[in-house]
Protein backbone atom coordinates (compact mmCIF):
# COMPACT_ATOMS: atom_id res chain seq x y z
CA UNK A 1 0.00 0.00 0.00
CA UNK A 2 1.28 3.48 -0.80
CA UNK A 3 1.73 6.12 1.89
CA UNK A 4 -1.02 8.76 1.84
CA UNK A 5 -1.63 12.09 3.59
CA UNK A 6 -4.92 13.35 4.92
CA UNK A 7 -5.92 16.70 6.43
CA UNK A 8 -8.14 16.74 9.51
CA UNK A 9 -9.08 19.04 12.37
CA UNK A 10 -8.45 17.66 15.86
CA UNK A 11 -11.64 17.96 17.94
CA UNK A 12 -10.31 16.79 21.31
CA UNK A 13 -10.05 20.34 22.66
CA UNK A 14 -11.18 23.88 21.72
CA UNK A 15 -7.90 24.73 19.94
CA UNK A 16 -8.84 22.66 16.87
CA UNK A 17 -5.37 21.99 15.49
CA UNK A 18 -5.13 21.45 11.72
CA UNK A 19 -3.46 18.06 11.37
CA UNK A 20 -1.66 16.53 8.42
CA UNK A 21 -1.77 12.79 8.95
CA UNK A 22 0.48 10.52 6.94
CA UNK A 23 -0.63 6.88 6.93
CA UNK A 24 -0.42 3.54 5.20
CA UNK A 25 -3.91 2.09 5.21
CA UNK A 26 -5.15 2.63 8.76
CA UNK A 27 -1.64 2.75 10.25
CA UNK A 28 -0.51 6.29 11.11
CA UNK A 29 3.14 6.94 10.29
CA UNK A 30 3.36 10.68 11.05
CA UNK A 31 1.18 13.47 12.48
CA UNK A 32 2.05 17.12 11.94
CA UNK A 33 0.36 20.27 13.22
CA UNK A 34 -0.74 18.90 16.59
CA UNK A 35 -0.25 21.18 19.58
CA UNK A 36 -0.25 18.28 22.04
CA UNK A 37 -0.07 14.49 22.18
CA UNK A 38 -3.87 14.24 22.05
CA UNK A 39 -3.66 15.15 18.36
CA UNK A 40 -1.70 11.98 17.66
CA UNK A 41 -4.20 9.85 19.60
CA UNK A 42 -7.11 11.55 17.81
CA UNK A 43 -5.59 10.91 14.37
CA UNK A 44 -4.99 7.24 15.15
CA UNK A 45 -8.54 6.71 16.42
CA UNK A 46 -10.08 8.74 13.59
CA UNK A 47 -8.42 6.49 11.01
CA UNK A 48 -9.15 3.19 12.74
CA UNK A 49 -12.51 3.70 14.52
CA UNK A 50 -14.06 7.18 14.22
CA UNK A 51 -16.61 7.85 16.98
CA UNK A 52 -18.79 10.78 18.00
CA UNK A 53 -20.99 11.78 20.91
CA UNK A 54 -24.61 12.17 19.81
CA UNK A 55 -27.17 14.57 21.25
CA UNK A 56 -30.79 14.63 20.15
CA UNK A 57 -34.34 14.71 21.50
CA UNK A 58 -37.00 12.07 22.20
CA UNK A 59 -40.79 12.54 22.28
CA UNK A 60 -42.53 12.54 25.66
CA UNK A 61 -46.20 11.94 26.51
CA UNK A 62 -47.70 13.80 29.46
CA UNK A 63 -44.73 16.08 30.10
CA UNK A 64 -44.54 19.83 30.45
CA UNK A 65 -42.60 19.79 27.15
CA UNK A 66 -43.17 17.46 24.17
CA UNK A 67 -39.47 16.55 23.86
CA UNK A 68 -36.65 15.72 26.25
CA UNK A 69 -32.99 16.25 25.29
CA UNK A 70 -30.85 13.11 25.31
CA UNK A 71 -27.19 12.20 24.76
CA UNK A 72 -25.08 9.09 24.37
CA UNK A 73 -23.18 7.92 27.46
CA UNK A 74 -20.04 7.53 25.34
CA UNK A 75 -19.10 8.10 21.69
CA UNK A 76 -20.74 5.80 19.13
CA UNK A 77 -19.18 4.57 15.88
CA UNK A 78 -19.60 7.30 13.29
CA UNK A 79 -21.13 4.97 10.69
CA UNK A 80 -23.98 4.11 13.12
CA UNK A 81 -25.08 7.68 13.93
CA UNK A 82 -27.96 7.75 11.42
CA UNK A 83 -29.17 4.33 12.62
CA UNK A 84 -29.17 5.63 16.18
CA UNK A 85 -31.08 8.78 15.22
CA UNK A 86 -33.67 6.67 13.37
CA UNK A 87 -34.05 4.51 16.49
CA UNK A 88 -34.53 7.59 18.69
CA UNK A 89 -37.28 8.86 16.35
CA UNK A 90 -39.31 5.72 17.11
CA UNK A 91 -39.23 6.26 20.90
CA UNK A 92 -41.95 7.92 22.93
CA UNK A 93 -41.40 8.15 26.67
CA UNK A 94 -43.91 8.69 29.47
CA UNK A 95 -43.33 11.60 31.85
CA UNK A 96 -41.87 12.10 34.40
CA UNK A 97 -38.30 11.75 33.16
CA UNK A 98 -35.26 12.15 35.44
CA UNK A 99 -31.93 13.61 34.34
CA UNK A 100 -29.51 10.75 33.71
CA UNK A 101 -32.34 8.23 33.18
CA UNK A 102 -31.50 5.61 30.56
CA UNK A 103 -33.98 6.11 27.71
CA UNK A 104 -32.35 3.57 25.38
CA UNK A 105 -30.02 0.90 26.77
CA UNK A 106 -28.42 -0.39 23.57
CA UNK A 107 -28.02 2.40 21.01
CA UNK A 108 -27.93 0.91 17.50
CA UNK A 109 -26.66 -2.41 18.88
CA UNK A 110 -23.52 -0.86 20.38
CA UNK A 111 -24.29 -1.51 24.05
CA UNK A 112 -23.99 2.24 24.65
CA UNK A 113 -26.82 3.86 26.59
CA UNK A 114 -28.72 7.01 25.71
CA UNK A 115 -29.49 9.20 28.73
CA UNK A 116 -31.92 12.05 29.43
CA UNK A 117 -30.15 15.40 29.77
CA UNK A 118 -32.67 16.98 32.13
CA UNK A 119 -35.64 16.35 34.38
CA UNK A 120 -39.01 16.57 32.66
CA UNK A 121 -41.95 16.54 35.10
CA UNK A 122 -45.48 15.44 34.32
CA UNK A 123 -47.79 18.20 33.25
CA UNK A 124 -50.11 17.67 36.29
CA UNK A 125 -47.21 17.57 38.77
CA UNK A 126 -45.87 20.86 37.37
CA UNK A 127 -49.24 22.55 38.02
CA UNK A 128 -49.15 21.46 41.63
CA UNK A 129 -51.95 18.99 41.46
């Protein structure tokens, strides 16, 4: 396999270093432009198994709002993000919802949980009765 170069932006911190990654297949041979060692780790993971955190919303019945914000407990494989979002669109939860509550235990077959980002009380409980 020939050696190739690829440009990418490191997203591990707010600096956003512009990386030039030289690799053979999925094996990184050189990383340039990184301001810290995390850039090297990011480049290696991005080539071998790119993952992202996912944040979205899920429908709720009987809550003071019709949607509750949710997020993945850890990054999911990038190629499964659209499958996960499609799965979340099929969910409808019943209020009340507690922050940190698992709303989906096995996101797109990854074993990664999806958690509620905030409390969402029932509509009657919010009115005090």
